[in-house]
Amino acid sequence: MLGVQQWAEVRRLVLVEGRSQREVTRLTGLARDTVARAVASDMPPRYVRAPAGSKLDPFKEWICAQLREDPAIQAQRLREMAAELGYEGGKTIFDDYVREVRPRFRVRRTFQRTIYRPGELVQCDLWEPREPLPVGYGQRRRGWVVTAEVCWSRVIAGALIFSKEAPDILRGVGRCLERIGGLPEKVVWDRESAIAAGGRPSDEFAAFCGQLGIGWIILDRGDAQAKGALDRSHRFMRSNFLPGRSFANATDFQLQLDGWCDRVNGRVHRTIREVPAERLVAER
């Protein structure tokens, strides 16, 4: 059962921020049907507590202690650990309790505009086009775009790749940095499996950064807000770059993407109210 706070957050993301239900599903980790029901219902869900003396009672403090240590730990993993300690109750009552108390242990983020220094950070991520891309001889392949955004100037760049393996992702990052024309102090990544599974940089990623003489920042698990600027750029790519375009092959896709980024970088940015390409000149 969906908690009241989760229900309210889902409706805020869809009805206030205008995000798609698919995007909210990805951001929250909730099932698509759960998100759809939350949006459709204008009444908050009611949680029916377990009756007194349930098999869950002896484990409630233990559950809270685990969530205090790791607020993002999955309910299934908690249930497996509890079973090893003797829990014999049901799945539903356990998961409902975890869902109810988890928000208490999440760090509340105060939202304020982040101030970046010139040359400090470049944010990187992966974005997937909606449809497979033509690669010749009538064949199509699933592709991804490595995206990079300079946090101070807001210049963006993208590189098409055809796998999420470290060599391809890092080649994409290198191409983006080449297009940007400079190296930041650090690159920012989420916990993409080929980059930093479990929050630790992979050997390939660390070697790549070491060769360039740059550092890195790995985002906390589930910290979607920290990628806000780049997520907005992804939404802009979906709504502005892809519609009305066709691509002959991968090279054509990349050339069109480069041209689109150049045009976007040459326009006044809505947030900073300056032209990113001009700010990049000063940033270098």
Protein backbone atom coordinates (compact mmCIF):
# COMPACT_ATOMS: atom_id res chain seq x y z
CA MET A 1 0.00 0.00 0.00
CA LEU A 2 1.26 3.47 -0.90
CA GLY A 3 2.02 5.78 2.02
CA VAL A 4 0.42 9.21 2.28
CA GLN A 5 3.73 11.06 1.81
CA GLN A 6 4.58 8.99 -1.26
CA TRP A 7 1.06 9.53 -2.64
CA ALA A 8 1.42 13.29 -2.19
CA GLU A 9 4.89 13.35 -3.75
CA VAL A 10 3.75 11.36 -6.80
CA ARG A 11 0.83 13.74 -7.39
CA ARG A 12 3.08 16.77 -6.93
CA LEU A 13 5.58 15.50 -9.51
CA VAL A 14 2.86 14.75 -12.08
CA LEU A 15 0.26 17.47 -11.45
CA VAL A 16 2.49 20.36 -10.37
CA GLU A 17 5.84 19.75 -12.07
CA GLY A 18 4.27 18.22 -15.15
CA ARG A 19 6.47 15.14 -15.20
CA SER A 20 5.27 12.04 -17.03
CA GLN A 21 4.09 9.02 -15.08
CA ARG A 22 6.87 7.01 -16.70
CA GLU A 23 9.48 9.46 -15.41
CA VAL A 24 7.95 9.45 -11.92
CA THR A 25 8.05 5.64 -11.96
CA ARG A 26 11.78 5.81 -12.69
CA LEU A 27 12.47 8.51 -10.09
CA THR A 28 10.52 6.90 -7.23
CA GLY A 29 11.00 3.22 -7.95
CA LEU A 30 7.26 2.63 -7.62
CA ALA A 31 5.32 0.34 -9.96
CA ARG A 32 3.64 1.99 -12.94
CA ASP A 33 0.20 0.90 -11.76
CA THR A 34 0.88 2.37 -8.32
CA VAL A 35 1.84 5.73 -9.84
CA ALA A 36 -1.24 5.70 -12.09
CA ARG A 37 -3.56 4.96 -9.16
CA ALA A 38 -1.99 7.74 -7.07
CA VAL A 39 -2.51 10.28 -9.85
CA ALA A 40 -6.10 9.16 -10.42
CA SER A 41 -7.07 9.23 -6.73
CA ASP A 42 -7.75 12.60 -5.10
CA MET A 43 -8.07 11.00 -1.65
CA PRO A 44 -4.99 10.02 0.36
CA PRO A 45 -4.50 6.31 1.04
CA ARG A 46 -5.40 4.98 4.45
CA TYR A 47 -2.99 2.70 6.20
CA VAL A 48 -4.55 -0.11 8.23
CA ARG A 49 -2.21 -0.92 11.06
CA ALA A 50 -1.47 -4.48 12.02
CA PRO A 51 -3.39 -5.72 15.04
CA ALA A 52 -1.69 -5.55 18.40
CA GLY A 53 0.54 -8.45 19.16
CA SER A 54 1.47 -9.19 15.55
CA LYS A 55 4.58 -11.13 14.63
CA LEU A 56 6.03 -7.87 13.33
CA ASP A 57 6.04 -6.05 16.68
CA PRO A 58 9.35 -7.44 17.99
CA PHE A 59 11.09 -6.34 14.78
CA LYS A 60 9.82 -2.76 14.49
CA GLU A 61 12.71 -1.17 16.37
CA TRP A 62 15.17 -3.31 14.45
CA ILE A 63 13.63 -2.20 11.13
CA CYS A 64 13.95 1.44 12.15
CA ALA A 65 17.58 0.91 13.12
CA GLN A 66 18.35 -0.57 9.69
CA LEU A 67 16.60 2.29 7.91
CA ARG A 68 18.45 4.82 10.03
CA GLU A 69 21.72 3.31 8.80
CA ASP A 70 20.61 2.95 5.16
CA PRO A 71 17.34 4.73 4.27
CA ALA A 72 17.37 3.28 0.74
CA ILE A 73 17.68 -0.41 1.64
CA GLN A 74 14.99 -2.46 -0.12
CA ALA A 75 12.13 -3.94 1.89
CA GLN A 76 12.83 -7.36 0.39
CA ARG A 77 16.40 -7.30 1.70
CA LEU A 78 15.20 -6.18 5.13
CA ARG A 79 12.70 -9.01 5.15
CA GLU A 80 15.40 -11.55 4.29
CA MET A 81 17.59 -10.24 7.10
CA ALA A 82 14.66 -10.32 9.53
CA ALA A 83 13.89 -13.92 8.56
CA GLU A 84 17.45 -14.88 9.49
CA LEU A 85 16.73 -13.39 12.93
CA GLY A 86 13.52 -15.37 13.33
CA TYR A 87 10.79 -13.29 11.67
CA GLU A 88 7.91 -15.57 10.62
CA GLY A 89 5.27 -12.99 9.70
CA GLY A 90 3.84 -12.11 6.32
CA LYS A 91 5.33 -10.12 3.46
CA THR A 92 2.54 -7.55 3.18
CA ILE A 93 2.53 -6.43 6.82
CA PHE A 94 6.34 -6.19 6.81
CA ASP A 95 6.56 -4.20 3.57
CA ASP A 96 3.71 -1.90 4.59
CA TYR A 97 5.49 -1.02 7.82
CA VAL A 98 8.77 -0.35 6.01
CA ARG A 99 6.91 1.89 3.54
CA GLU A 100 5.25 3.77 6.39
CA VAL A 101 8.37 4.51 8.43
CA ARG A 102 11.00 4.92 5.69
CA PRO A 103 10.28 8.66 5.12
CA ARG A 104 11.32 9.40 8.71
CA PHE A 105 14.89 8.43 7.94
CA ARG A 106 15.37 10.11 4.60
CA VAL A 107 17.47 13.25 4.77
CA ARG A 108 15.28 16.24 4.07
CA ARG A 109 16.77 18.33 1.31
CA THR A 110 16.54 22.10 1.52
CA PHE A 111 16.09 23.37 -2.01
CA GLN A 112 18.12 26.40 -2.89
CA ARG A 113 20.03 27.44 -5.93
CA THR A 114 23.46 25.81 -6.05
CA ILE A 115 26.40 28.10 -6.73
CA TYR A 116 29.12 26.63 -8.95
CA ARG A 117 32.63 27.89 -9.59
CA PRO A 118 33.91 28.22 -13.18
CA GLY A 119 35.62 25.02 -14.28
CA GLU A 120 34.51 23.14 -11.18
CA LEU A 121 32.10 20.42 -12.33
CA VAL A 122 30.77 18.65 -15.39
CA GLN A 123 27.70 16.50 -14.81
CA CYS A 124 27.44 13.29 -16.85
CA ASP A 125 24.64 10.81 -17.41
CA LEU A 126 23.03 8.49 -19.95
CA TRP A 127 19.94 9.29 -22.00
CA GLU A 128 18.15 6.75 -24.17
CA PRO A 129 16.33 7.75 -27.37
CA ARG A 130 12.80 6.36 -27.60
CA GLU A 131 13.41 4.19 -30.67
CA PRO A 132 16.31 2.00 -31.86
CA LEU A 133 18.57 3.81 -34.31
CA PRO A 134 19.46 2.82 -37.90
CA VAL A 135 22.97 1.42 -38.29
CA GLY A 136 22.89 0.41 -41.96
CA TYR A 137 21.67 -2.50 -44.10
CA GLY A 138 18.16 -2.06 -42.76
CA GLN A 139 19.28 -2.87 -39.22
CA ARG A 140 18.49 -0.92 -36.05
CA ARG A 141 20.16 -1.00 -32.66
CA ARG A 142 19.31 0.25 -29.23
CA GLY A 143 21.46 3.28 -28.45
CA TRP A 144 22.27 5.63 -25.61
CA VAL A 145 23.62 9.16 -25.50
CA VAL A 146 26.33 10.06 -23.01
CA THR A 147 25.44 13.59 -21.95
CA ALA A 148 27.65 16.15 -20.27
CA GLU A 149 26.68 19.56 -18.92
CA VAL A 150 29.12 22.13 -17.58
CA CYS A 151 27.56 23.21 -14.31
CA TRP A 152 28.73 26.85 -14.41
CA SER A 153 28.30 27.80 -18.07
CA ARG A 154 25.49 25.26 -18.78
CA VAL A 155 27.09 24.18 -22.05
CA ILE A 156 25.89 20.71 -23.05
CA ALA A 157 27.33 17.99 -25.27
CA GLY A 158 26.31 14.46 -26.21
CA ALA A 159 27.89 11.34 -27.70
CA LEU A 160 26.06 8.34 -29.17
CA ILE A 161 27.08 4.87 -27.95
CA PHE A 162 25.64 1.39 -28.44
CA SER A 163 26.39 -0.31 -25.14
CA LYS A 164 26.50 0.58 -21.45
CA GLU A 165 29.90 -1.05 -20.98
CA ALA A 166 32.67 1.06 -19.47
CA PRO A 167 34.79 1.44 -22.66
CA ASP A 168 31.85 2.82 -24.64
CA ILE A 169 30.61 5.10 -21.86
CA LEU A 170 34.09 6.49 -21.23
CA ARG A 171 34.66 7.01 -24.95
CA GLY A 172 31.44 9.02 -24.92
CA VAL A 173 32.58 11.09 -21.95
CA GLY A 174 35.88 11.78 -23.69
CA ARG A 175 34.11 12.95 -26.83
CA CYS A 176 31.85 15.25 -24.80
CA LEU A 177 34.83 16.81 -23.02
CA GLU A 178 36.54 17.26 -26.38
CA ARG A 179 33.46 19.04 -27.72
CA ILE A 180 33.37 21.23 -24.62
CA GLY A 181 37.03 22.03 -25.13
CA GLY A 182 38.28 21.80 -21.56
CA LEU A 183 38.60 19.66 -18.46
CA PRO A 184 36.73 20.28 -15.19
CA GLU A 185 38.10 19.73 -11.73
CA LYS A 186 35.64 16.85 -11.28
CA VAL A 187 33.00 14.92 -13.19
CA VAL A 188 29.72 14.01 -11.49
CA TRP A 189 28.08 10.61 -12.05
CA ASP A 190 25.31 8.60 -10.48
CA ARG A 191 25.82 4.93 -9.64
CA GLU A 192 25.77 3.69 -13.22
CA SER A 193 26.96 0.08 -12.99
CA ALA A 194 29.92 0.48 -15.35
CA ILE A 195 31.02 3.69 -13.61
CA ALA A 196 30.38 3.34 -9.89
CA ALA A 197 28.29 0.33 -8.94
CA GLY A 198 27.76 0.37 -5.19
CA GLY A 199 29.11 3.91 -4.93
CA ARG A 200 32.73 2.96 -5.65
CA PRO A 201 34.38 4.02 -8.93
CA SER A 202 35.19 1.14 -11.26
CA ASP A 203 38.82 0.55 -12.16
CA GLU A 204 38.13 1.67 -15.74
CA PHE A 205 36.51 4.92 -14.61
CA ALA A 206 39.24 5.67 -12.07
CA ALA A 207 41.91 5.02 -14.70
CA PHE A 208 40.13 7.30 -17.17
CA CYS A 209 39.95 10.15 -14.65
CA GLY A 210 43.54 9.56 -13.58
CA GLN A 211 44.76 9.85 -17.15
CA LEU A 212 42.95 13.17 -17.55
CA GLY A 213 43.98 14.44 -14.13
CA ILE A 214 40.42 15.06 -12.95
CA GLY A 215 38.48 13.93 -9.90
CA TRP A 216 34.98 12.59 -9.51
CA ILE A 217 31.85 12.83 -7.41
CA ILE A 218 29.55 9.81 -7.11
CA LEU A 219 25.99 10.72 -6.15
CA ASP A 220 24.21 9.03 -3.29
CA ARG A 221 21.84 6.25 -4.24
CA GLY A 222 18.43 7.58 -5.30
CA ASP A 223 19.55 11.23 -5.19
CA ALA A 224 17.59 12.29 -8.26
CA GLN A 225 17.48 15.96 -7.23
CA ALA A 226 21.26 16.26 -7.52
CA LYS A 227 20.93 15.72 -11.28
CA GLY A 228 18.24 18.33 -11.72
CA ALA A 229 19.95 20.44 -14.38
CA LEU A 230 20.92 17.47 -16.52
CA ASP A 231 17.52 15.83 -16.15
CA ARG A 232 15.97 19.03 -17.49
CA SER A 233 18.35 18.90 -20.44
CA HIS A 234 17.29 15.30 -21.11
CA ARG A 235 13.65 16.33 -21.16
CA PHE A 236 14.53 19.16 -23.54
CA MET A 237 16.33 16.70 -25.85
CA ARG A 238 13.27 14.45 -25.92
CA SER A 239 10.91 17.31 -26.68
CA ASN A 240 13.10 19.47 -28.93
CA PHE A 241 15.82 17.36 -30.56
CA LEU A 242 14.04 14.13 -31.46
CA PRO A 243 10.61 15.24 -32.77
CA GLY A 244 10.42 15.62 -36.53
CA ARG A 245 13.88 14.18 -37.19
CA SER A 246 14.99 11.10 -39.08
CA PHE A 247 18.46 9.61 -39.13
CA ALA A 248 20.25 7.77 -41.92
CA ASN A 249 22.73 6.08 -39.59
CA ALA A 250 24.71 6.56 -36.39
CA THR A 251 27.01 9.15 -37.95
CA ASP A 252 24.04 11.19 -39.11
CA PHE A 253 22.52 11.02 -35.61
CA GLN A 254 25.77 12.27 -34.06
CA LEU A 255 26.18 15.11 -36.55
CA GLN A 256 22.61 16.28 -36.01
CA LEU A 257 23.05 16.06 -32.23
CA ASP A 258 26.27 18.11 -32.40
CA GLY A 259 24.54 20.77 -34.46
CA TRP A 260 21.58 20.88 -32.11
CA CYS A 261 23.86 21.26 -29.07
CA ASP A 262 25.73 24.10 -30.80
CA ARG A 263 22.47 25.94 -31.42
CA VAL A 264 21.23 25.41 -27.86
CA ASN A 265 24.57 26.53 -26.43
CA GLY A 266 24.31 29.71 -28.49
CA ARG A 267 20.94 30.75 -27.08
CA VAL A 268 20.10 32.54 -23.85
CA HIS A 269 19.65 29.95 -21.09
CA ARG A 270 16.38 30.27 -19.17
CA THR A 271 17.95 29.79 -15.73
CA ILE A 272 21.19 31.79 -15.93
CA ARG A 273 19.80 34.31 -18.47
CA GLU A 274 23.08 34.28 -20.35
CA VAL A 275 24.43 32.49 -23.42
CA PRO A 276 26.23 29.27 -22.36
CA ALA A 277 28.75 29.41 -25.23
CA GLU A 278 29.79 32.92 -24.18
CA ARG A 279 30.11 31.89 -20.54
CA LEU A 280 32.24 28.92 -21.59
CA VAL A 281 34.75 31.28 -23.23
CA ALA A 282 35.14 33.07 -19.91
CA GLU A 283 35.21 29.76 -18.04
CA ARG A 284 38.12 28.41 -20.04
